Amino acid sequence: MRRAYSVETVRAAEAALMKRVPEGALMQRAAAGLAAACGDLLRRTGRVYGSRVLLLVGSGDNGGDALYAGARLARRGAGVRALLVSPDRAHAGGLAAFLTAGGRVADGPDGLGGLDLVVDGITGIGGRGGLREDALALLRAVTRAHGRTPVIAVDLPSGVEADSGEVHGEAVRADATVTFGTYKPGHLIDPAAEHAGALRLVDIGLGPELPEPPDLEALQYADVAALLPVPGAESDKYSRGVVGVVAGSERYPGAAVLAVSGALHGGAGAVRYVGPGADAVIARFPETLVHAGPPSKAGRVQAWVIGPGLGDGRWAEEAVADVLGADVPVLVDADGLRLLEPETVRHRTAATVLTPHAGEAAALLGVAREEVEAGRLAAVRELAARYRATVLLKGSTTLVAEARDTPVRVNPTGTGWLATAGSGDVLSGLTGSLLAAGLAPRDAASVGAYLHGLAARHGSDGAPVSAQDVAHGIPAAWRDVRAG
């Protein structure tokens, strides 16, 4: 599992560790890991000896890491030059080591010639509010002249926010980011994560100093495999989980089909469908148990999914109210979100899972969509607290948050192929089947998002994918996770 901590927590852990190790040891460990990563990248296209490396060096420890790493590369025969954003504030020890090793300080961004690698050491995890004008001017000049040169960021791409994943203005776009001790939220959450490229974590001994729980966590194969509900020899359809689906309308019957498809492919023991799309559902999935409604009269379920393609008529309003009155977990998506009464959700005794995209989240919060997209972490936390629910915020990085004090989960399997009509309906049915199987709401949402992303990759294989392809890819994603 990837775990991420806030800057404040990381600083406290570093301070505690520095009391137990020789002075400068942490920076040397970081520089060694950074230099090794730079060497690996250089060897992919050539070799370290004779390569041409440019360091963009800001003040403070981040610039010091870059300078010490540059000294190591220079000793291995690379031609390393440094552009100092603030020459009078450069890290003294790092600069001295760099010059002693044969590194050179460039007079400016012009006339640098060809480059094999740019190392971004302008600002680190302490940067706030975007790049200052002097750093921004330097970055623009280097980008104009060397825009195709690979970039490695030191700890975090300069100009992004470590704690929130927000990006205010222009920021470095790295091909890879080498971070130290632990991940930070900005490594995992867009839009900052989009700037980070491939991530490489360097162990500097910080682990024992980091508290529980982390601020964020991202499940990996082994974590998801441990959560998957696998039937035993004595299982029946009820013990595997019966999920109720209230979805679709005369205008959107396909939403019902896709939500049911997600639930069935997601391992539900049985699916009960309630809504006007019964004929379409039965035509595709004859094993579905259909009922004219209301949902509370449809029969036994362990969880409900409501909302995809539901519309906003009186029947839809009554169905949402009926389902929210049930004493089982309920997942609310799409049109169902617009029909929610916050007070009703807050006072439910059973769990509620809300699955909005950015536009729906903005409507629930009463803010602009752009505000949600720019500050996804703040938005998902606010929604979870406001509704006292588990919230799965869909998007380029899907986030899962609870009202209680648990780490926000970041889904690492997202792909742009999921941006297709009906994909969210499949995710709702899939997650509902996991709720019905007995997974806790946070686990069901996290595993559902993980499998959903893998399923899209299976369905697309690098080509355009439809929502039906995503649903059909779920069993293959399931097998992949179990196989490790």
Protein backbone atom coordinates (compact mmCIF):
# COMPACT_ATOMS: atom_id res chain seq x y z
CA MET A 1 0.00 0.00 0.00
CA ARG A 2 1.26 3.45 -0.85
CA ARG A 3 0.92 5.81 2.09
CA ALA A 4 1.12 9.60 1.97
CA TYR A 5 1.64 12.12 4.76
CA SER A 6 1.21 15.86 5.08
CA VAL A 7 4.21 18.20 5.03
CA GLU A 8 3.77 18.98 8.74
CA THR A 9 3.91 15.29 9.64
CA VAL A 10 6.92 14.69 7.40
CA ARG A 11 8.79 17.64 8.91
CA ALA A 12 8.13 16.37 12.43
CA ALA A 13 9.32 12.87 11.50
CA GLU A 14 12.47 14.26 9.89
CA ALA A 15 13.22 16.34 12.99
CA ALA A 16 12.85 13.29 15.21
CA LEU A 17 15.10 11.19 12.98
CA MET A 18 17.79 13.88 12.70
CA LYS A 19 18.28 13.73 16.46
CA ARG A 20 19.45 10.12 16.09
CA VAL A 21 21.68 10.32 13.00
CA PRO A 22 24.82 12.33 12.15
CA GLU A 23 24.33 15.85 10.89
CA GLY A 24 23.62 15.94 7.16
CA ALA A 25 22.94 12.19 6.95
CA LEU A 26 19.35 12.58 5.68
CA MET A 27 20.37 14.93 2.89
CA GLN A 28 23.16 12.58 1.82
CA ARG A 29 20.75 9.64 1.76
CA ALA A 30 18.32 11.67 -0.35
CA ALA A 31 21.07 12.85 -2.70
CA ALA A 32 22.35 9.30 -3.18
CA GLY A 33 18.86 8.07 -4.11
CA LEU A 34 18.32 11.03 -6.43
CA ALA A 35 21.65 10.52 -8.18
CA ALA A 36 20.90 6.82 -8.65
CA ALA A 37 17.54 7.65 -10.24
CA CYS A 38 19.18 10.19 -12.55
CA GLY A 39 21.76 7.61 -13.53
CA ASP A 40 19.08 5.04 -14.32
CA LEU A 41 17.26 7.47 -16.58
CA LEU A 42 20.45 8.55 -18.36
CA ARG A 43 21.43 4.95 -19.05
CA ARG A 44 18.14 4.32 -20.86
CA THR A 45 19.22 6.59 -23.71
CA GLY A 46 22.98 6.50 -23.37
CA ARG A 47 25.28 6.53 -20.38
CA VAL A 48 26.12 8.63 -17.35
CA TYR A 49 29.73 9.35 -18.39
CA GLY A 50 29.74 12.23 -20.86
CA SER A 51 26.05 13.05 -20.39
CA ARG A 52 24.92 16.65 -20.02
CA VAL A 53 22.83 17.48 -16.96
CA LEU A 54 21.26 20.78 -15.89
CA LEU A 55 20.22 21.45 -12.29
CA LEU A 56 17.53 24.06 -11.58
CA VAL A 57 18.43 25.02 -8.03
CA GLY A 58 16.30 26.95 -5.59
CA SER A 59 17.14 27.95 -2.04
CA GLY A 60 16.87 25.60 0.91
CA ASP A 61 17.18 21.86 1.30
CA ASN A 62 15.50 20.95 -1.99
CA GLY A 63 18.23 22.81 -3.87
CA GLY A 64 20.79 21.19 -1.58
CA ASP A 65 19.55 17.72 -2.53
CA ALA A 66 19.93 18.63 -6.21
CA LEU A 67 23.44 20.02 -5.73
CA TYR A 68 24.71 17.03 -3.76
CA ALA A 69 23.20 14.67 -6.35
CA GLY A 70 24.79 16.77 -9.10
CA ALA A 71 28.17 16.37 -7.37
CA ARG A 72 27.76 12.58 -7.42
CA LEU A 73 26.91 12.64 -11.13
CA ALA A 74 29.89 14.90 -11.87
CA ARG A 75 32.21 12.46 -10.11
CA ARG A 76 30.86 9.75 -12.42
CA GLY A 77 31.89 11.77 -15.48
CA ALA A 78 28.71 13.67 -16.30
CA GLY A 79 28.95 17.31 -17.35
CA VAL A 80 26.73 19.00 -14.77
CA ARG A 81 25.78 22.67 -14.67
CA ALA A 82 23.54 24.48 -12.21
CA LEU A 83 21.22 27.42 -12.70
CA LEU A 84 20.75 29.12 -9.34
CA VAL A 85 17.40 30.86 -8.85
CA SER A 86 18.81 32.89 -5.94
CA PRO A 87 22.62 32.61 -5.97
CA ASP A 88 23.02 34.31 -2.59
CA ARG A 89 20.61 31.82 -0.96
CA ALA A 90 21.87 28.55 -2.47
CA HIS A 91 22.59 25.72 -0.04
CA ALA A 92 26.20 26.45 1.00
CA GLY A 93 27.33 22.90 1.68
CA GLY A 94 25.69 21.51 -1.43
CA LEU A 95 27.16 24.24 -3.65
CA ALA A 96 30.66 23.71 -2.26
CA ALA A 97 30.44 19.94 -2.84
CA PHE A 98 29.11 20.51 -6.34
CA LEU A 99 31.94 22.85 -7.34
CA THR A 100 34.58 20.62 -5.76
CA ALA A 101 33.30 17.66 -7.81
CA GLY A 102 33.67 19.62 -11.04
CA GLY A 103 30.18 20.98 -11.44
CA ARG A 104 29.80 24.45 -12.93
CA VAL A 105 27.37 27.27 -12.25
CA ALA A 106 25.79 28.61 -15.46
CA ASP A 107 25.45 32.35 -15.93
CA GLY A 108 21.90 32.05 -17.29
CA PRO A 109 19.50 29.90 -19.27
CA ASP A 110 20.92 30.90 -22.67
CA GLY A 111 23.66 29.06 -24.52
CA LEU A 112 23.42 25.80 -22.57
CA GLY A 113 23.65 23.64 -25.68
CA GLY A 114 22.19 20.16 -25.80
CA LEU A 115 21.00 18.48 -22.58
CA ASP A 116 20.28 14.89 -21.64
CA LEU A 117 18.52 15.59 -18.34
CA VAL A 118 17.06 18.47 -16.35
CA VAL A 119 16.78 18.14 -12.55
CA ASP A 120 14.09 20.29 -10.96
CA GLY A 121 15.27 21.39 -7.52
CA ILE A 122 13.56 24.80 -7.46
CA THR A 123 11.07 24.28 -4.64
CA GLY A 124 10.27 21.27 -2.52
CA ILE A 125 7.36 20.14 -0.40
CA GLY A 126 7.32 23.44 1.47
CA GLY A 127 6.40 25.49 -1.61
CA ARG A 128 3.07 27.34 -1.46
CA GLY A 129 1.02 29.38 -3.90
CA GLY A 130 2.85 28.51 -7.11
CA LEU A 131 6.24 29.62 -8.40
CA ARG A 132 7.65 33.07 -7.72
CA GLU A 133 8.40 35.32 -10.69
CA ASP A 134 12.16 34.71 -10.72
CA ALA A 135 11.72 30.93 -10.68
CA LEU A 136 8.91 31.09 -13.21
CA ALA A 137 11.01 33.12 -15.64
CA LEU A 138 13.85 30.60 -15.34
CA LEU A 139 11.51 27.65 -15.87
CA ARG A 140 9.94 29.24 -18.95
CA ALA A 141 13.34 29.94 -20.50
CA VAL A 142 14.57 26.38 -19.97
CA THR A 143 11.28 24.89 -21.17
CA ARG A 144 11.35 26.92 -24.37
CA ALA A 145 14.88 25.82 -25.21
CA HIS A 146 14.82 22.25 -23.85
CA GLY A 147 11.14 21.25 -23.74
CA ARG A 148 11.86 17.72 -24.99
CA THR A 149 14.58 16.98 -22.47
CA PRO A 150 13.55 14.52 -19.71
CA VAL A 151 12.90 16.15 -16.33
CA ILE A 152 13.33 14.60 -12.87
CA ALA A 153 11.73 16.49 -9.98
CA VAL A 154 13.32 16.50 -6.53
CA ASP A 155 10.71 15.41 -3.96
CA LEU A 156 7.85 17.19 -5.77
CA PRO A 157 7.48 19.09 -9.08
CA SER A 158 8.06 22.76 -8.34
CA GLY A 159 4.87 24.81 -8.29
CA VAL A 160 2.45 22.13 -7.05
CA GLU A 161 0.97 21.90 -3.56
CA ALA A 162 2.25 18.93 -1.55
CA ASP A 163 -0.66 18.70 0.88
CA SER A 164 -3.63 19.23 -1.41
CA GLY A 165 -2.58 18.27 -4.92
CA GLU A 166 -3.59 21.72 -6.13
CA VAL A 167 -1.66 23.65 -8.78
CA HIS A 168 -1.77 27.43 -8.77
CA GLY A 169 -0.46 28.73 -12.08
CA GLU A 170 2.40 27.20 -14.04
CA ALA A 171 4.36 24.31 -12.58
CA VAL A 172 7.09 21.90 -13.62
CA ARG A 173 5.91 18.88 -15.59
CA ALA A 174 8.27 16.07 -14.71
CA ASP A 175 8.80 12.74 -16.41
CA ALA A 176 9.69 11.29 -13.01
CA THR A 177 9.69 12.43 -9.40
CA VAL A 178 12.08 11.12 -6.76
CA THR A 179 10.64 11.59 -3.29
CA PHE A 180 12.15 10.83 0.09
CA GLY A 181 10.90 8.96 3.13
CA THR A 182 7.24 8.76 2.17
CA TYR A 183 4.79 9.88 -0.47
CA LYS A 184 2.97 13.19 -0.10
CA PRO A 185 -0.68 13.78 -1.10
CA GLY A 186 0.38 15.85 -4.12
CA HIS A 187 2.10 12.79 -5.60
CA LEU A 188 -1.20 10.91 -5.77
CA ILE A 189 -3.92 13.51 -6.41
CA ASP A 190 -4.58 15.41 -9.61
CA PRO A 191 -3.90 17.93 -10.90
CA ALA A 192 -0.52 17.75 -9.09
CA ALA A 193 -0.08 14.02 -9.75
CA GLU A 194 -0.31 14.68 -13.48
CA HIS A 195 2.83 16.81 -13.13
CA ALA A 196 4.79 14.18 -11.18
CA GLY A 197 5.26 11.47 -13.81
CA ALA A 198 6.65 8.13 -12.62
CA LEU A 199 7.22 8.03 -8.85
CA ARG A 200 10.31 6.66 -7.12
CA LEU A 201 10.43 6.50 -3.32
CA VAL A 202 13.86 6.66 -1.66
CA ASP A 203 14.07 5.15 1.82
CA ILE A 204 15.91 7.54 4.15
CA GLY A 205 14.92 5.76 7.38
CA LEU A 206 11.81 7.83 8.06
CA GLY A 207 9.39 4.93 8.42
CA PRO A 208 9.64 4.35 12.21
CA GLU A 209 9.00 8.06 12.86
CA LEU A 210 5.78 8.27 10.82
CA PRO A 211 2.55 8.00 12.82
CA GLU A 212 -0.62 6.01 12.20
CA PRO A 213 -2.78 6.57 10.30
CA PRO A 214 -1.42 8.26 7.15
CA ASP A 215 -3.33 11.10 5.53
CA LEU A 216 -3.82 9.20 2.27
CA GLU A 217 -3.37 5.65 1.10
CA ALA A 218 -3.50 3.93 -2.27
CA LEU A 219 -4.35 0.23 -2.40
CA GLN A 220 -2.14 -2.12 -4.42
CA TYR A 221 -2.86 -5.60 -5.80
CA ALA A 222 -2.20 -7.44 -2.54
CA ASP A 223 -4.41 -5.07 -0.55
CA VAL A 224 -7.32 -5.48 -2.96
CA ALA A 225 -6.87 -9.25 -3.15
CA ALA A 226 -7.18 -9.47 0.64
CA LEU A 227 -10.52 -7.63 0.49
CA LEU A 228 -12.15 -9.50 -2.41
CA PRO A 229 -15.19 -11.53 -1.31
CA VAL A 230 -14.57 -15.08 -2.49
CA PRO A 231 -17.39 -17.66 -2.07
CA GLY A 232 -16.78 -20.82 -0.13
CA ALA A 233 -18.02 -24.35 -0.76
CA GLU A 234 -21.18 -23.73 1.29
CA SER A 235 -22.01 -20.33 -0.18
CA ASP A 236 -25.41 -19.60 -1.67
CA LYS A 237 -26.78 -16.59 -3.50
CA TYR A 238 -27.83 -14.92 -0.27
CA SER A 239 -24.50 -15.34 1.48
CA ARG A 240 -22.75 -14.04 -1.65
CA GLY A 241 -24.96 -10.96 -1.50
CA VAL A 242 -28.19 -9.83 -3.10
CA VAL A 243 -28.06 -6.28 -4.40
CA GLY A 244 -31.08 -4.21 -5.33
CA VAL A 245 -30.79 -1.85 -8.30
CA VAL A 246 -33.17 1.07 -8.87
CA ALA A 247 -32.08 2.68 -12.10
CA GLY A 248 -33.15 3.65 -15.59
CA SER A 249 -36.18 5.41 -17.00
CA GLU A 250 -38.12 5.48 -20.24
CA ARG A 251 -35.54 7.94 -21.54
CA TYR A 252 -32.49 6.09 -20.18
CA PRO A 253 -33.23 2.34 -20.07
CA GLY A 254 -29.58 1.59 -20.83
CA ALA A 255 -28.52 2.91 -17.43
CA ALA A 256 -30.51 0.11 -15.81
CA VAL A 257 -28.84 -2.50 -18.03
CA LEU A 258 -25.36 -1.19 -17.29
CA ALA A 259 -25.87 -0.93 -13.52
CA VAL A 260 -27.22 -4.50 -13.42
CA SER A 261 -24.31 -5.62 -15.61
CA GLY A 262 -21.82 -4.10 -13.18
CA ALA A 263 -23.49 -5.85 -10.26
CA LEU A 264 -23.63 -9.26 -11.93
CA HIS A 265 -20.07 -9.12 -13.24
CA GLY A 266 -18.98 -7.87 -9.82
CA GLY A 267 -19.93 -11.14 -8.15
CA ALA A 268 -23.41 -10.52 -6.73
CA GLY A 269 -25.24 -13.69 -5.75
CA ALA A 270 -28.40 -12.18 -7.21
CA VAL A 271 -29.67 -8.84 -8.47
CA ARG A 272 -33.15 -7.49 -7.81
CA TYR A 273 -34.13 -4.80 -10.27
CA VAL A 274 -36.86 -2.21 -9.68
CA GLY A 275 -37.72 0.37 -12.31
CA PRO A 276 -39.15 1.05 -15.76
CA GLY A 277 -36.28 -0.71 -17.55
CA ALA A 278 -37.33 -4.24 -16.61
CA ASP A 279 -37.88 -5.44 -20.20
CA ALA A 280 -34.46 -4.21 -21.31
CA VAL A 281 -32.79 -5.74 -18.26
CA ILE A 282 -34.44 -9.15 -18.66
CA ALA A 283 -33.61 -9.20 -22.36
CA ARG A 284 -29.91 -8.88 -21.53
CA PHE A 285 -29.76 -10.63 -18.14
CA PRO A 286 -32.58 -13.15 -17.67
CA GLU A 287 -31.22 -14.15 -14.25
CA THR A 288 -32.24 -10.75 -12.84
CA LEU A 289 -35.16 -10.70 -10.40
CA VAL A 290 -37.46 -7.84 -11.46
CA HIS A 291 -40.20 -6.07 -9.52
CA ALA A 292 -42.57 -3.22 -10.37
CA GLY A 293 -41.86 -1.46 -7.07
CA PRO A 294 -41.74 0.20 -4.69
CA PRO A 295 -38.23 -0.98 -3.73
CA SER A 296 -39.25 -1.86 -0.19
CA LYS A 297 -41.66 -4.49 -1.60
CA ALA A 298 -39.15 -6.07 -3.99
CA GLY A 299 -37.76 -8.64 -1.56
CA ARG A 300 -34.66 -9.24 0.51
CA VAL A 301 -31.47 -7.38 -0.37
CA GLN A 302 -28.20 -6.73 1.47
CA ALA A 303 -27.59 -3.39 -0.28
CA TRP A 304 -29.29 -0.97 -2.65
CA VAL A 305 -27.96 0.97 -5.64
CA ILE A 306 -30.12 3.87 -6.79
CA GLY A 307 -29.81 6.72 -9.24
CA PRO A 308 -28.28 5.88 -12.64
CA GLY A 309 -30.60 7.21 -15.38
CA LEU A 310 -33.44 7.59 -12.86
CA GLY A 311 -34.70 10.98 -14.01
CA ASP A 312 -36.34 13.44 -11.66
CA GLY A 313 -40.07 12.69 -11.75
CA ARG A 314 -42.29 11.83 -8.80
CA TRP A 315 -41.59 8.10 -9.12
CA ALA A 316 -37.88 8.81 -8.83
CA GLU A 317 -38.36 11.01 -5.76
CA GLU A 318 -40.47 8.37 -4.04
CA ALA A 319 -38.00 5.62 -4.91
CA VAL A 320 -35.07 7.54 -3.43
CA ALA A 321 -37.01 8.21 -0.23
CA ASP A 322 -38.06 4.56 -0.03
CA VAL A 323 -34.53 3.21 -0.50
CA LEU A 324 -33.00 5.64 2.00
CA GLY A 325 -35.47 4.33 4.56
CA ALA A 326 -34.04 0.82 4.27
CA ASP A 327 -31.82 -0.51 7.04
CA VAL A 328 -29.12 -1.74 4.64
CA PRO A 329 -26.20 0.03 2.93
CA VAL A 330 -27.30 2.30 0.08
CA LEU A 331 -25.22 3.62 -2.82
CA VAL A 332 -26.56 6.79 -4.45
CA ASP A 333 -25.34 7.87 -7.88
CA ALA A 334 -26.21 10.21 -10.75
CA ASP A 335 -29.84 11.42 -10.71
CA GLY A 336 -30.29 10.05 -7.21
CA LEU A 337 -27.77 12.58 -5.91
CA ARG A 338 -29.98 15.48 -7.01
CA LEU A 339 -32.90 14.06 -5.05
CA LEU A 340 -31.07 13.70 -1.74
CA GLU A 341 -32.09 15.46 1.43
CA PRO A 342 -28.86 15.97 3.41
CA GLU A 343 -30.62 15.64 6.73
CA THR A 344 -32.13 12.29 5.71
CA VAL A 345 -28.71 10.93 4.75
CA ARG A 346 -27.08 12.19 7.95
CA HIS A 347 -29.63 10.40 10.14
CA ARG A 348 -29.55 7.02 8.41
CA THR A 349 -28.54 4.16 10.71
CA ALA A 350 -27.06 2.08 7.86
CA ALA A 351 -24.18 3.16 5.66
CA THR A 352 -24.57 5.51 2.70
CA VAL A 353 -22.14 5.73 -0.21
CA LEU A 354 -22.32 8.71 -2.57
CA THR A 355 -20.56 8.48 -5.95
CA PRO A 356 -20.55 11.91 -7.64
CA HIS A 357 -18.38 13.16 -10.46
CA ALA A 358 -16.96 16.68 -10.18
CA GLY A 359 -20.07 18.38 -11.56
CA GLU A 360 -22.40 16.52 -9.20
CA ALA A 361 -20.07 17.16 -6.26
CA ALA A 362 -20.08 20.86 -7.10
CA ALA A 363 -23.87 20.91 -7.07
CA LEU A 364 -23.98 19.13 -3.70
CA LEU A 365 -21.48 21.62 -2.25
CA GLY A 366 -22.94 24.69 -3.94
CA VAL A 367 -19.68 25.65 -5.65
CA ALA A 368 -18.35 25.80 -9.22
CA ARG A 369 -17.19 22.59 -10.89
CA GLU A 370 -13.77 24.17 -11.45
CA GLU A 371 -13.37 24.58 -7.69
CA VAL A 372 -13.93 20.86 -7.14
CA GLU A 373 -11.56 19.87 -9.93
CA ALA A 374 -8.84 22.17 -8.61
CA GLY A 375 -9.23 21.02 -5.00
CA ARG A 376 -10.38 17.41 -5.13
CA LEU A 377 -9.10 16.43 -1.69
CA ALA A 378 -10.85 19.29 0.08
CA ALA A 379 -14.07 18.60 -1.84
CA VAL A 380 -14.28 14.88 -1.01
CA ARG A 381 -13.54 15.51 2.66
CA GLU A 382 -16.17 18.25 2.84
CA LEU A 383 -18.82 16.07 1.20
CA ALA A 384 -18.13 13.15 3.53
CA ALA A 385 -18.38 15.41 6.58
CA ARG A 386 -21.47 17.27 5.37
CA TYR A 387 -23.47 14.13 4.56
CA ARG A 388 -21.87 11.82 7.17
CA ALA A 389 -21.39 9.35 4.35
CA THR A 390 -18.68 7.53 2.44
CA VAL A 391 -17.99 9.53 -0.71
CA LEU A 392 -16.39 8.21 -3.89
CA LEU A 393 -15.44 11.26 -5.95
CA LYS A 394 -14.96 10.10 -9.53
CA GLY A 395 -12.42 11.69 -11.83
CA SER A 396 -8.88 11.51 -13.12
CA THR A 397 -7.88 10.38 -9.63
CA THR A 398 -10.85 8.83 -7.85
CA LEU A 399 -10.90 9.57 -4.11
CA VAL A 400 -12.77 7.78 -1.32
CA ALA A 401 -13.39 9.55 1.99
CA GLU A 402 -15.35 8.83 5.13
CA ALA A 403 -16.91 11.21 7.64
CA ARG A 404 -14.79 9.70 10.39
CA ASP A 405 -11.06 10.21 10.75
CA THR A 406 -9.67 7.58 8.38
CA PRO A 407 -7.17 8.09 5.55
CA VAL A 408 -8.60 9.21 2.23
CA ARG A 409 -8.02 6.51 -0.35
CA VAL A 410 -6.70 7.29 -3.82
CA ASN A 411 -7.40 4.89 -6.65
CA PRO A 412 -4.27 4.21 -8.73
CA THR A 413 -5.92 2.35 -11.66
CA GLY A 414 -7.79 5.20 -13.29
CA THR A 415 -7.53 5.66 -17.04
CA GLY A 416 -8.87 8.17 -19.54
CA TRP A 417 -10.76 5.33 -21.27
CA LEU A 418 -13.27 5.44 -18.40
CA ALA A 419 -14.49 8.84 -19.62
CA THR A 420 -17.31 7.26 -21.60
CA ALA A 421 -21.10 7.29 -21.25
CA GLY A 422 -22.42 4.67 -18.84
CA SER A 423 -19.08 3.83 -17.23
CA GLY A 424 -20.25 5.30 -13.92
CA ASP A 425 -23.40 3.15 -14.03
CA VAL A 426 -21.20 0.04 -14.23
CA LEU A 427 -19.13 1.29 -11.28
CA SER A 428 -22.29 1.80 -9.21
CA GLY A 429 -23.49 -1.75 -9.81
CA LEU A 430 -20.03 -3.19 -9.16
CA THR A 431 -19.61 -1.30 -5.89
CA GLY A 432 -23.15 -2.19 -4.84
CA SER A 433 -22.38 -5.89 -5.30
CA LEU A 434 -19.37 -5.51 -2.99
CA LEU A 435 -21.51 -3.75 -0.38
CA ALA A 436 -24.04 -6.59 -0.59
CA ALA A 437 -21.24 -9.12 -0.13
CA GLY A 438 -20.44 -7.54 3.22
CA LEU A 439 -17.49 -5.23 2.51
CA ALA A 440 -17.35 -2.10 4.62
CA PRO A 441 -18.42 1.00 2.64
CA ARG A 442 -14.88 2.41 2.35
CA ASP A 443 -13.52 -0.96 1.23
CA ALA A 444 -16.37 -1.56 -1.23
CA ALA A 445 -15.86 1.86 -2.81
CA SER A 446 -12.06 1.45 -2.96
CA VAL A 447 -12.13 -2.08 -4.39
CA GLY A 448 -14.91 -1.13 -6.82
CA ALA A 449 -12.88 1.79 -8.18
CA TYR A 450 -9.74 -0.35 -8.41
CA LEU A 451 -11.45 -3.16 -10.36
CA HIS A 452 -13.28 -0.61 -12.52
CA GLY A 453 -10.01 0.92 -13.64
CA LEU A 454 -8.39 -2.44 -14.36
CA ALA A 455 -11.50 -3.56 -16.24
CA ALA A 456 -11.28 -0.56 -18.54
CA ARG A 457 -7.69 -1.44 -19.34
CA HIS A 458 -8.71 -4.99 -20.16
CA GLY A 459 -11.63 -3.83 -22.24
CA SER A 460 -9.65 -1.23 -24.18
CA ASP A 461 -6.26 -2.88 -24.67
CA GLY A 462 -5.11 0.54 -25.81
CA ALA A 463 -8.20 1.16 -27.99
CA PRO A 464 -11.47 3.05 -27.32
CA VAL A 465 -13.68 1.35 -24.75
CA SER A 466 -17.43 1.40 -24.09
CA ALA A 467 -19.23 0.96 -20.79
CA GLN A 468 -20.19 -2.57 -21.87
CA ASP A 469 -16.51 -3.33 -22.46
CA VAL A 470 -15.75 -2.11 -18.94
CA ALA A 471 -18.42 -4.41 -17.46
CA HIS A 472 -17.13 -7.39 -19.44
CA GLY A 473 -13.59 -6.63 -18.26
CA ILE A 474 -14.45 -6.94 -14.56
CA PRO A 475 -13.95 -10.74 -14.28
CA ALA A 476 -10.52 -10.43 -15.94
CA ALA A 477 -9.61 -7.63 -13.54
CA TRP A 478 -10.75 -9.84 -10.66
CA ARG A 479 -8.52 -12.67 -11.86
CA ASP A 480 -5.55 -10.35 -12.26
CA VAL A 481 -5.87 -9.12 -8.68
CA ARG A 482 -6.17 -12.63 -7.25
CA ALA A 483 -3.18 -13.77 -9.29
CA GLY A 484 -1.13 -10.83 -8.00
